[in-house]
Amino acid sequence: MKWMIASDIHGSAGFCREMLAAWDREGAERLLLLGDILYHGPRNDLPREYAPKQVIEMLNARKDRIFSVRGNCEAEVDQMVLGFPVMADYCLLPAAGRLIIATHGHIYHEDNLPPMKSGDVLLYGHTHVLRAEKKNGYYFLNPGSVSLPKEGNPPSYAVLEEDTFIIRKLDGEMVTQIRLEDD
């Protein structure tokens, strides 16, 4: 199965439209959102075209193919307006013979790992910094941020197909990739 993975939309209708267009181009069966969908948060400036109600409408139109985990900006009211679950702290995905732990990154992260064994994957957002790295036997994968990238990164998303994780700019240009190798 081909997954598209994105994080940190932060209520930007413009970037959400670009993300959905990328999803269509990719032909991925499912979209996994790693949190911070509607609200920009007190530490962030308003993203371009901040319009959470439009983001709700666009995402709910595809709710049957979207999964999400809770970011630090999600609240119960967000679950009331979004047609897919958004309040789980993490989800587990078996892929390429290993376990992928998908989370936002504000609770579980490199310095506070969930239960993992060598070769497992921590897939997270939160930092707004893209990453595809194997370190100390674990994979650390971050698709970056759709709307508010940091550290000079472009707005980005990722695709996971079979054993390959590819990070792309919203226009589809590849930034980096990593293969989840057999251990």
N, C-alpha and C. Protein backbone atom coordinates (compact mmCIF):
# COMPACT_ATOMS: atom_id res chain seq x y z
N MET A 1 0.84 -1.18 0.00
CA MET A 1 0.00 0.00 0.00
C MET A 1 0.88 1.24 0.00
N LYS A 2 0.47 2.23 -0.74
CA LYS A 2 1.19 3.50 -0.81
C LYS A 2 0.48 4.50 0.11
N TRP A 3 1.25 5.07 1.03
CA TRP A 3 0.75 6.07 1.97
C TRP A 3 1.36 7.44 1.63
N MET A 4 0.56 8.47 1.75
CA MET A 4 1.10 9.83 1.78
C MET A 4 1.06 10.26 3.24
N ILE A 5 2.11 10.93 3.68
CA ILE A 5 2.24 11.34 5.07
C ILE A 5 2.53 12.83 5.11
N ALA A 6 1.76 13.54 5.93
CA ALA A 6 1.95 14.99 6.04
C ALA A 6 1.74 15.42 7.48
N SER A 7 2.27 16.58 7.81
CA SER A 7 2.15 17.09 9.17
C SER A 7 2.06 18.60 9.16
N ASP A 8 1.48 19.11 10.22
CA ASP A 8 1.54 20.54 10.53
C ASP A 8 0.95 21.42 9.42
N ILE A 9 -0.33 21.19 9.12
CA ILE A 9 -1.05 22.05 8.17
C ILE A 9 -1.36 23.40 8.83
N HIS A 10 -1.63 23.39 10.12
CA HIS A 10 -1.88 24.58 10.92
C HIS A 10 -2.94 25.51 10.34
N GLY A 11 -4.00 24.93 9.79
CA GLY A 11 -5.14 25.73 9.35
C GLY A 11 -4.97 26.47 8.05
N SER A 12 -3.92 26.21 7.29
CA SER A 12 -3.68 26.91 6.03
C SER A 12 -4.46 26.25 4.89
N ALA A 13 -5.49 26.93 4.40
CA ALA A 13 -6.28 26.40 3.29
C ALA A 13 -5.44 26.31 2.02
N GLY A 14 -4.59 27.29 1.78
CA GLY A 14 -3.76 27.28 0.58
C GLY A 14 -2.81 26.10 0.55
N PHE A 15 -2.10 25.88 1.65
CA PHE A 15 -1.17 24.75 1.70
C PHE A 15 -1.91 23.42 1.74
N CYS A 16 -3.10 23.40 2.35
CA CYS A 16 -3.89 22.17 2.35
C CYS A 16 -4.30 21.81 0.92
N ARG A 17 -4.71 22.79 0.14
CA ARG A 17 -5.05 22.54 -1.27
C ARG A 17 -3.86 21.97 -2.03
N GLU A 18 -2.67 22.56 -1.81
CA GLU A 18 -1.46 22.05 -2.47
C GLU A 18 -1.14 20.63 -2.03
N MET A 19 -1.33 20.35 -0.73
CA MET A 19 -1.08 19.00 -0.22
C MET A 19 -2.04 18.00 -0.86
N LEU A 20 -3.31 18.36 -0.96
CA LEU A 20 -4.30 17.45 -1.56
C LEU A 20 -4.03 17.24 -3.05
N ALA A 21 -3.55 18.27 -3.73
CA ALA A 21 -3.18 18.11 -5.14
C ALA A 21 -1.99 17.15 -5.26
N ALA A 22 -1.04 17.26 -4.33
CA ALA A 22 0.09 16.33 -4.32
C ALA A 22 -0.40 14.91 -4.06
N TRP A 23 -1.35 14.75 -3.16
CA TRP A 23 -1.92 13.43 -2.87
C TRP A 23 -2.54 12.82 -4.13
N ASP A 24 -3.26 13.64 -4.86
CA ASP A 24 -3.85 13.17 -6.12
C ASP A 24 -2.76 12.75 -7.11
N ARG A 25 -1.71 13.56 -7.24
CA ARG A 25 -0.61 13.23 -8.16
C ARG A 25 0.09 11.94 -7.75
N GLU A 26 0.29 11.75 -6.47
CA GLU A 26 1.00 10.57 -5.97
C GLU A 26 0.20 9.29 -6.17
N GLY A 27 -1.12 9.40 -6.16
CA GLY A 27 -1.94 8.21 -6.28
C GLY A 27 -1.89 7.31 -5.05
N ALA A 28 -1.59 7.89 -3.90
CA ALA A 28 -1.54 7.11 -2.65
C ALA A 28 -2.96 6.75 -2.22
N GLU A 29 -3.08 5.54 -1.67
CA GLU A 29 -4.40 5.07 -1.23
C GLU A 29 -4.88 5.79 0.02
N ARG A 30 -3.97 6.12 0.92
CA ARG A 30 -4.33 6.72 2.20
C ARG A 30 -3.44 7.91 2.52
N LEU A 31 -3.98 8.80 3.35
CA LEU A 31 -3.22 9.95 3.86
C LEU A 31 -3.13 9.79 5.38
N LEU A 32 -1.93 9.86 5.90
CA LEU A 32 -1.70 9.85 7.34
C LEU A 32 -1.24 11.24 7.74
N LEU A 33 -2.02 11.90 8.60
CA LEU A 33 -1.67 13.22 9.10
C LEU A 33 -1.07 13.09 10.49
N LEU A 34 0.05 13.75 10.70
CA LEU A 34 0.78 13.64 11.96
C LEU A 34 0.49 14.82 12.90
N GLY A 35 -0.72 15.35 12.85
CA GLY A 35 -1.16 16.34 13.82
C GLY A 35 -0.98 17.78 13.42
N ASP A 36 -1.50 18.65 14.30
CA ASP A 36 -1.53 20.11 14.12
C ASP A 36 -2.21 20.46 12.80
N ILE A 37 -3.47 20.08 12.70
CA ILE A 37 -4.22 20.20 11.46
C ILE A 37 -4.86 21.58 11.31
N LEU A 38 -5.56 22.06 12.35
CA LEU A 38 -6.40 23.26 12.19
C LEU A 38 -5.85 24.53 12.83
N TYR A 39 -5.23 24.42 13.97
CA TYR A 39 -4.84 25.60 14.74
C TYR A 39 -3.37 25.92 14.51
N HIS A 40 -3.03 27.21 14.48
CA HIS A 40 -1.65 27.61 14.22
C HIS A 40 -0.77 27.56 15.46
N GLY A 41 -1.36 27.58 16.64
CA GLY A 41 -0.59 27.50 17.88
C GLY A 41 -0.05 28.85 18.30
N PRO A 42 0.16 29.05 19.59
CA PRO A 42 0.60 30.35 20.09
C PRO A 42 2.04 30.71 19.74
N ARG A 43 2.85 29.71 19.35
CA ARG A 43 4.26 30.00 19.03
C ARG A 43 4.48 30.28 17.55
N ASN A 44 3.45 30.07 16.73
CA ASN A 44 3.60 30.24 15.29
C ASN A 44 2.85 31.47 14.80
N ASP A 45 3.39 32.10 13.78
CA ASP A 45 2.64 33.14 13.09
C ASP A 45 1.52 32.47 12.30
N LEU A 46 0.53 33.24 11.92
CA LEU A 46 -0.53 32.69 11.07
C LEU A 46 0.06 32.28 9.74
N PRO A 47 -0.24 31.06 9.29
CA PRO A 47 0.26 30.66 7.97
C PRO A 47 -0.53 31.36 6.87
N ARG A 48 0.02 31.33 5.67
CA ARG A 48 -0.65 31.90 4.51
C ARG A 48 -2.03 31.27 4.35
N GLU A 49 -3.02 32.08 4.02
CA GLU A 49 -4.40 31.64 3.81
C GLU A 49 -4.95 30.84 4.98
N TYR A 50 -4.74 31.37 6.19
CA TYR A 50 -5.25 30.72 7.39
C TYR A 50 -6.78 30.71 7.34
N ALA A 51 -7.35 29.53 7.20
CA ALA A 51 -8.80 29.38 7.09
C ALA A 51 -9.18 27.97 7.53
N PRO A 52 -9.17 27.71 8.84
CA PRO A 52 -9.43 26.36 9.34
C PRO A 52 -10.76 25.76 8.85
N LYS A 53 -11.79 26.57 8.70
CA LYS A 53 -13.08 26.03 8.23
C LYS A 53 -12.96 25.46 6.82
N GLN A 54 -12.16 26.09 5.98
CA GLN A 54 -11.94 25.56 4.64
C GLN A 54 -11.13 24.26 4.70
N VAL A 55 -10.15 24.19 5.60
CA VAL A 55 -9.36 22.97 5.77
C VAL A 55 -10.29 21.83 6.21
N ILE A 56 -11.18 22.11 7.14
CA ILE A 56 -12.16 21.10 7.60
C ILE A 56 -12.95 20.57 6.42
N GLU A 57 -13.47 21.46 5.61
CA GLU A 57 -14.28 21.07 4.46
C GLU A 57 -13.49 20.21 3.47
N MET A 58 -12.27 20.63 3.16
CA MET A 58 -11.45 19.88 2.20
C MET A 58 -11.10 18.48 2.71
N LEU A 59 -10.72 18.38 3.98
CA LEU A 59 -10.33 17.09 4.54
C LEU A 59 -11.54 16.18 4.75
N ASN A 60 -12.64 16.74 5.22
CA ASN A 60 -13.83 15.91 5.44
C ASN A 60 -14.37 15.33 4.13
N ALA A 61 -14.12 15.99 3.02
CA ALA A 61 -14.55 15.45 1.73
C ALA A 61 -13.82 14.14 1.40
N ARG A 62 -12.69 13.88 2.08
CA ARG A 62 -11.90 12.66 1.85
C ARG A 62 -11.74 11.83 3.12
N LYS A 63 -12.61 12.03 4.06
CA LYS A 63 -12.47 11.44 5.40
C LYS A 63 -12.36 9.92 5.42
N ASP A 64 -12.85 9.25 4.40
CA ASP A 64 -12.81 7.80 4.37
C ASP A 64 -11.41 7.26 4.05
N ARG A 65 -10.46 8.14 3.71
CA ARG A 65 -9.10 7.69 3.37
C ARG A 65 -8.03 8.39 4.20
N ILE A 66 -8.46 9.07 5.28
CA ILE A 66 -7.51 9.82 6.11
C ILE A 66 -7.45 9.23 7.51
N PHE A 67 -6.23 9.07 8.00
CA PHE A 67 -5.96 8.70 9.39
C PHE A 67 -5.12 9.82 9.98
N SER A 68 -5.20 9.99 11.30
CA SER A 68 -4.45 11.06 11.93
C SER A 68 -4.08 10.69 13.35
N VAL A 69 -3.03 11.34 13.84
CA VAL A 69 -2.69 11.32 15.25
C VAL A 69 -2.83 12.75 15.76
N ARG A 70 -2.91 12.88 17.08
CA ARG A 70 -3.12 14.17 17.73
C ARG A 70 -1.81 14.93 17.83
N GLY A 71 -1.85 16.19 17.42
CA GLY A 71 -0.72 17.08 17.63
C GLY A 71 -0.92 17.88 18.90
N ASN A 72 0.07 18.67 19.26
CA ASN A 72 -0.05 19.48 20.46
C ASN A 72 -1.04 20.63 20.30
N CYS A 73 -1.49 20.91 19.09
CA CYS A 73 -2.48 21.96 18.86
C CYS A 73 -3.91 21.42 18.69
N GLU A 74 -4.09 20.09 18.71
CA GLU A 74 -5.44 19.53 18.59
C GLU A 74 -6.18 19.63 19.92
N ALA A 75 -7.50 19.80 19.83
CA ALA A 75 -8.36 19.84 21.01
C ALA A 75 -9.62 19.04 20.71
N GLU A 76 -10.41 18.78 21.73
CA GLU A 76 -11.63 18.01 21.54
C GLU A 76 -12.55 18.65 20.51
N VAL A 77 -12.57 19.96 20.44
CA VAL A 77 -13.43 20.64 19.47
C VAL A 77 -13.02 20.30 18.04
N ASP A 78 -11.74 20.04 17.81
CA ASP A 78 -11.28 19.66 16.47
C ASP A 78 -11.90 18.32 16.08
N GLN A 79 -11.97 17.38 17.03
CA GLN A 79 -12.58 16.10 16.74
C GLN A 79 -14.07 16.25 16.43
N MET A 80 -14.69 17.25 17.01
CA MET A 80 -16.12 17.47 16.77
C MET A 80 -16.40 17.92 15.33
N VAL A 81 -15.43 18.55 14.68
CA VAL A 81 -15.66 19.07 13.33
C VAL A 81 -15.00 18.25 12.23
N LEU A 82 -14.03 17.41 12.60
CA LEU A 82 -13.35 16.58 11.61
C LEU A 82 -14.00 15.19 11.59
N GLY A 83 -14.20 14.65 10.40
CA GLY A 83 -14.91 13.39 10.23
C GLY A 83 -14.04 12.15 10.33
N PHE A 84 -12.82 12.27 10.77
CA PHE A 84 -11.91 11.14 10.95
C PHE A 84 -11.24 11.31 12.31
N PRO A 85 -10.82 10.21 12.95
CA PRO A 85 -10.23 10.31 14.30
C PRO A 85 -8.94 11.13 14.30
N VAL A 86 -8.84 12.02 15.30
CA VAL A 86 -7.64 12.86 15.41
C VAL A 86 -7.05 12.91 16.81
N MET A 87 -7.58 12.16 17.75
CA MET A 87 -7.17 12.33 19.14
C MET A 87 -6.23 11.25 19.68
N ALA A 88 -5.78 10.32 18.86
CA ALA A 88 -4.85 9.28 19.34
C ALA A 88 -3.43 9.85 19.41
N ASP A 89 -2.71 9.51 20.46
CA ASP A 89 -1.33 9.99 20.60
C ASP A 89 -0.38 9.32 19.62
N TYR A 90 -0.75 8.11 19.16
CA TYR A 90 0.10 7.40 18.21
C TYR A 90 -0.74 6.35 17.50
N CYS A 91 -0.21 5.84 16.41
CA CYS A 91 -0.77 4.66 15.77
C CYS A 91 0.38 3.76 15.34
N LEU A 92 0.08 2.49 15.20
CA LEU A 92 1.09 1.50 14.84
C LEU A 92 0.79 0.95 13.46
N LEU A 93 1.80 0.94 12.61
CA LEU A 93 1.66 0.43 11.25
C LEU A 93 2.74 -0.61 10.99
N PRO A 94 2.35 -1.83 10.70
CA PRO A 94 3.37 -2.80 10.27
C PRO A 94 3.70 -2.54 8.80
N ALA A 95 4.98 -2.44 8.50
CA ALA A 95 5.41 -2.19 7.12
C ALA A 95 6.83 -2.66 6.92
N ALA A 96 7.08 -3.24 5.78
CA ALA A 96 8.43 -3.67 5.41
C ALA A 96 9.07 -4.53 6.49
N GLY A 97 8.26 -5.37 7.15
CA GLY A 97 8.80 -6.29 8.15
C GLY A 97 9.20 -5.64 9.46
N ARG A 98 8.70 -4.47 9.72
CA ARG A 98 9.04 -3.76 10.95
C ARG A 98 7.83 -2.99 11.44
N LEU A 99 7.94 -2.35 12.58
CA LEU A 99 6.85 -1.57 13.14
C LEU A 99 7.13 -0.09 12.95
N ILE A 100 6.14 0.62 12.45
CA ILE A 100 6.21 2.08 12.36
C ILE A 100 5.32 2.64 13.45
N ILE A 101 5.90 3.46 14.32
CA ILE A 101 5.15 4.15 15.36
C ILE A 101 4.97 5.58 14.85
N ALA A 102 3.73 5.93 14.49
CA ALA A 102 3.43 7.27 13.97
C ALA A 102 2.87 8.11 15.11
N THR A 103 3.44 9.27 15.32
CA THR A 103 3.05 10.16 16.40
C THR A 103 3.33 11.59 15.98
N HIS A 104 2.87 12.54 16.76
CA HIS A 104 3.16 13.94 16.39
C HIS A 104 4.60 14.32 16.72
N GLY A 105 5.09 13.89 17.85
CA GLY A 105 6.48 14.21 18.20
C GLY A 105 6.62 15.06 19.44
N HIS A 106 5.53 15.54 20.00
CA HIS A 106 5.62 16.36 21.21
C HIS A 106 5.68 15.51 22.47
N ILE A 107 5.22 14.27 22.40
CA ILE A 107 5.30 13.35 23.54
C ILE A 107 6.42 12.34 23.30
N TYR A 108 6.30 11.61 22.20
CA TYR A 108 7.33 10.63 21.84
C TYR A 108 8.22 11.24 20.77
N HIS A 109 9.53 11.14 21.00
CA HIS A 109 10.53 11.70 20.10
C HIS A 109 11.85 11.00 20.38
N GLU A 110 12.90 11.43 19.74
CA GLU A 110 14.19 10.75 19.85
C GLU A 110 14.69 10.66 21.29
N ASP A 111 14.38 11.65 22.11
CA ASP A 111 14.83 11.64 23.51
C ASP A 111 13.83 10.99 24.46
N ASN A 112 12.66 10.60 23.96
CA ASN A 112 11.65 9.90 24.76
C ASN A 112 10.96 8.89 23.85
N LEU A 113 11.65 7.80 23.58
CA LEU A 113 11.15 6.81 22.62
C LEU A 113 10.02 5.98 23.22
N PRO A 114 9.03 5.64 22.40
CA PRO A 114 8.06 4.63 22.81
C PRO A 114 8.75 3.27 22.77
N PRO A 115 8.07 2.20 23.21
CA PRO A 115 8.70 0.88 23.13
C PRO A 115 9.07 0.55 21.67
N MET A 116 10.34 0.42 21.40
CA MET A 116 10.83 0.15 20.06
C MET A 116 11.96 -0.87 20.13
N LYS A 117 12.09 -1.65 19.07
CA LYS A 117 13.24 -2.55 18.96
C LYS A 117 14.05 -2.13 17.74
N SER A 118 15.23 -2.61 17.63
CA SER A 118 16.12 -2.26 16.54
C SER A 118 15.42 -2.48 15.19
N GLY A 119 15.53 -1.51 14.32
CA GLY A 119 14.91 -1.59 13.00
C GLY A 119 13.54 -0.94 12.92
N ASP A 120 12.93 -0.63 14.08
CA ASP A 120 11.63 0.02 14.08
C ASP A 120 11.76 1.49 13.66
N VAL A 121 10.62 2.09 13.35
CA VAL A 121 10.57 3.43 12.79
C VAL A 121 9.77 4.36 13.69
N LEU A 122 10.33 5.51 14.02
CA LEU A 122 9.57 6.57 14.67
C LEU A 122 9.25 7.60 13.58
N LEU A 123 7.99 7.72 13.27
CA LEU A 123 7.48 8.63 12.24
C LEU A 123 6.78 9.76 12.98
N TYR A 124 7.25 10.99 12.80
CA TYR A 124 6.72 12.09 13.60
C TYR A 124 6.77 13.40 12.83
N GLY A 125 6.05 14.38 13.34
CA GLY A 125 6.06 15.74 12.79
C GLY A 125 6.61 16.67 13.86
N HIS A 126 5.84 17.70 14.21
CA HIS A 126 6.07 18.62 15.32
C HIS A 126 7.24 19.58 15.15
N THR A 127 8.39 19.12 14.72
CA THR A 127 9.56 20.00 14.65
C THR A 127 9.54 20.90 13.42
N HIS A 128 8.72 20.54 12.42
CA HIS A 128 8.64 21.27 11.15
C HIS A 128 9.95 21.15 10.35
N VAL A 129 10.76 20.16 10.70
CA VAL A 129 12.06 19.95 10.04
C VAL A 129 12.06 18.53 9.47
N LEU A 130 12.20 18.42 8.15
CA LEU A 130 12.18 17.10 7.53
C LEU A 130 13.40 16.29 7.93
N ARG A 131 13.21 14.95 7.96
CA ARG A 131 14.29 14.07 8.40
C ARG A 131 14.04 12.66 7.88
N ALA A 132 15.09 12.01 7.43
CA ALA A 132 15.05 10.60 7.02
C ALA A 132 16.42 10.02 7.37
N GLU A 133 16.49 9.36 8.53
CA GLU A 133 17.78 8.96 9.06
C GLU A 133 17.66 7.67 9.86
N LYS A 134 18.69 6.84 9.78
CA LYS A 134 18.81 5.68 10.66
C LYS A 134 19.89 6.01 11.68
N LYS A 135 19.54 5.89 12.96
CA LYS A 135 20.47 6.26 14.03
C LYS A 135 20.29 5.30 15.19
N ASN A 136 21.37 4.75 15.67
CA ASN A 136 21.35 3.81 16.80
C ASN A 136 20.38 2.65 16.59
N GLY A 137 20.26 2.21 15.34
CA GLY A 137 19.42 1.06 15.03
C GLY A 137 17.97 1.39 14.76
N TYR A 138 17.56 2.65 14.96
CA TYR A 138 16.18 3.07 14.72
C TYR A 138 16.12 4.00 13.52
N TYR A 139 14.95 4.02 12.87
CA TYR A 139 14.71 4.99 11.80
C TYR A 139 13.93 6.16 12.38
N PHE A 140 14.36 7.36 12.05
CA PHE A 140 13.67 8.58 12.43
C PHE A 140 13.23 9.29 11.15
N LEU A 141 11.92 9.35 10.96
CA LEU A 141 11.36 9.90 9.73
C LEU A 141 10.40 11.03 10.05
N ASN A 142 10.60 12.17 9.42
CA ASN A 142 9.74 13.33 9.61
C ASN A 142 9.48 13.95 8.24
N PRO A 143 8.21 14.07 7.84
CA PRO A 143 7.91 14.62 6.52
C PRO A 143 8.08 16.13 6.43
N GLY A 144 8.43 16.79 7.52
CA GLY A 144 8.51 18.24 7.54
C GLY A 144 7.13 18.83 7.76
N SER A 145 6.96 20.07 7.41
CA SER A 145 5.69 20.76 7.61
C SER A 145 5.08 21.18 6.29
N VAL A 146 3.78 20.99 6.17
CA VAL A 146 3.07 21.43 4.97
C VAL A 146 3.06 22.95 4.88
N SER A 147 2.84 23.65 6.02
CA SER A 147 2.60 25.09 5.93
C SER A 147 3.63 25.98 6.61
N LEU A 148 4.33 25.49 7.63
CA LEU A 148 5.26 26.33 8.37
C LEU A 148 6.61 25.64 8.56
N PRO A 149 7.32 25.34 7.46
CA PRO A 149 8.60 24.65 7.61
C PRO A 149 9.62 25.53 8.33
N LYS A 150 10.56 24.87 8.99
CA LYS A 150 11.59 25.59 9.73
C LYS A 150 12.98 25.18 9.24
N GLU A 151 13.97 25.93 9.67
CA GLU A 151 15.39 25.68 9.35
C GLU A 151 15.65 25.65 7.85
N GLY A 152 14.95 26.50 7.10
CA GLY A 152 15.19 26.62 5.67
C GLY A 152 14.60 25.52 4.83
N ASN A 153 13.81 24.64 5.42
CA ASN A 153 13.18 23.57 4.67
C ASN A 153 12.01 24.10 3.84
N PRO A 154 11.68 23.43 2.73
CA PRO A 154 10.50 23.81 1.95
C PRO A 154 9.25 23.18 2.55
N PRO A 155 8.07 23.69 2.22
CA PRO A 155 6.84 22.96 2.57
C PRO A 155 6.93 21.58 1.94
N SER A 156 6.62 20.54 2.73
CA SER A 156 6.89 19.18 2.24
C SER A 156 5.90 18.17 2.80
N TYR A 157 5.97 16.98 2.21
CA TYR A 157 5.21 15.81 2.63
C TYR A 157 6.09 14.60 2.33
N ALA A 158 5.59 13.42 2.67
CA ALA A 158 6.35 12.20 2.38
C ALA A 158 5.44 11.14 1.80
N VAL A 159 6.06 10.17 1.18
CA VAL A 159 5.36 9.01 0.65
C VAL A 159 6.09 7.78 1.18
N LEU A 160 5.32 6.81 1.62
CA LEU A 160 5.88 5.53 2.03
C LEU A 160 5.25 4.46 1.17
N GLU A 161 6.11 3.77 0.41
CA GLU A 161 5.63 2.68 -0.43
C GLU A 161 6.62 1.52 -0.30
N GLU A 162 6.06 0.38 0.11
CA GLU A 162 6.89 -0.80 0.37
C GLU A 162 7.93 -0.45 1.43
N ASP A 163 9.21 -0.41 1.06
CA ASP A 163 10.28 -0.16 2.02
C ASP A 163 11.00 1.17 1.78
N THR A 164 10.38 2.08 1.03
CA THR A 164 11.04 3.34 0.69
C THR A 164 10.22 4.53 1.17
N PHE A 165 10.88 5.43 1.88
CA PHE A 165 10.30 6.65 2.42
C PHE A 165 10.91 7.81 1.64
N ILE A 166 10.07 8.56 0.94
CA ILE A 166 10.53 9.67 0.10
C ILE A 166 9.91 10.97 0.59
N ILE A 167 10.72 11.98 0.81
CA ILE A 167 10.22 13.31 1.17
C ILE A 167 10.25 14.17 -0.08
N ARG A 168 9.13 14.84 -0.34
CA ARG A 168 8.99 15.69 -1.52
C ARG A 168 8.52 17.09 -1.14
N LYS A 169 8.93 18.07 -1.93
CA LYS A 169 8.33 19.40 -1.85
C LYS A 169 6.89 19.29 -2.33
N LEU A 170 6.07 20.26 -1.99
CA LEU A 170 4.66 20.19 -2.39
C LEU A 170 4.48 20.13 -3.90
N ASP A 171 5.47 20.61 -4.67
CA ASP A 171 5.35 20.53 -6.14
C ASP A 171 5.76 19.16 -6.68
N GLY A 172 6.18 18.24 -5.78
CA GLY A 172 6.53 16.88 -6.19
C GLY A 172 8.02 16.62 -6.32
N GLU A 173 8.85 17.65 -6.29
CA GLU A 173 10.29 17.46 -6.41
C GLU A 173 10.82 16.71 -5.19
N MET A 174 11.61 15.66 -5.43
CA MET A 174 12.16 14.88 -4.33
C MET A 174 13.22 15.67 -3.57
N VAL A 175 13.15 15.62 -2.24
CA VAL A 175 14.14 16.25 -1.38
C VAL A 175 15.15 15.20 -0.91
N THR A 176 14.64 14.09 -0.39
CA THR A 176 15.50 13.01 0.08
C THR A 176 14.68 11.72 0.17
N GLN A 177 15.39 10.61 0.33
CA GLN A 177 14.71 9.34 0.53
C GLN A 177 15.59 8.41 1.34
N ILE A 178 14.96 7.40 1.92
CA ILE A 178 15.68 6.38 2.66
C ILE A 178 14.95 5.06 2.47
N ARG A 179 15.72 4.02 2.34
CA ARG A 179 15.16 2.68 2.22
C ARG A 179 15.23 2.01 3.59
N LEU A 180 14.12 1.44 4.02
CA LEU A 180 14.09 0.69 5.27
C LEU A 180 14.69 -0.67 4.98
N GLU A 181 15.93 -0.83 5.35
CA GLU A 181 16.70 -2.01 4.98
C GLU A 181 16.41 -3.16 5.94
N ASP A 182 16.67 -4.36 5.48
CA ASP A 182 16.59 -5.53 6.34
C ASP A 182 17.74 -5.46 7.34
N ASP A 183 17.44 -5.76 8.58
CA ASP A 183 18.49 -5.74 9.62
C ASP A 183 19.09 -7.10 9.81
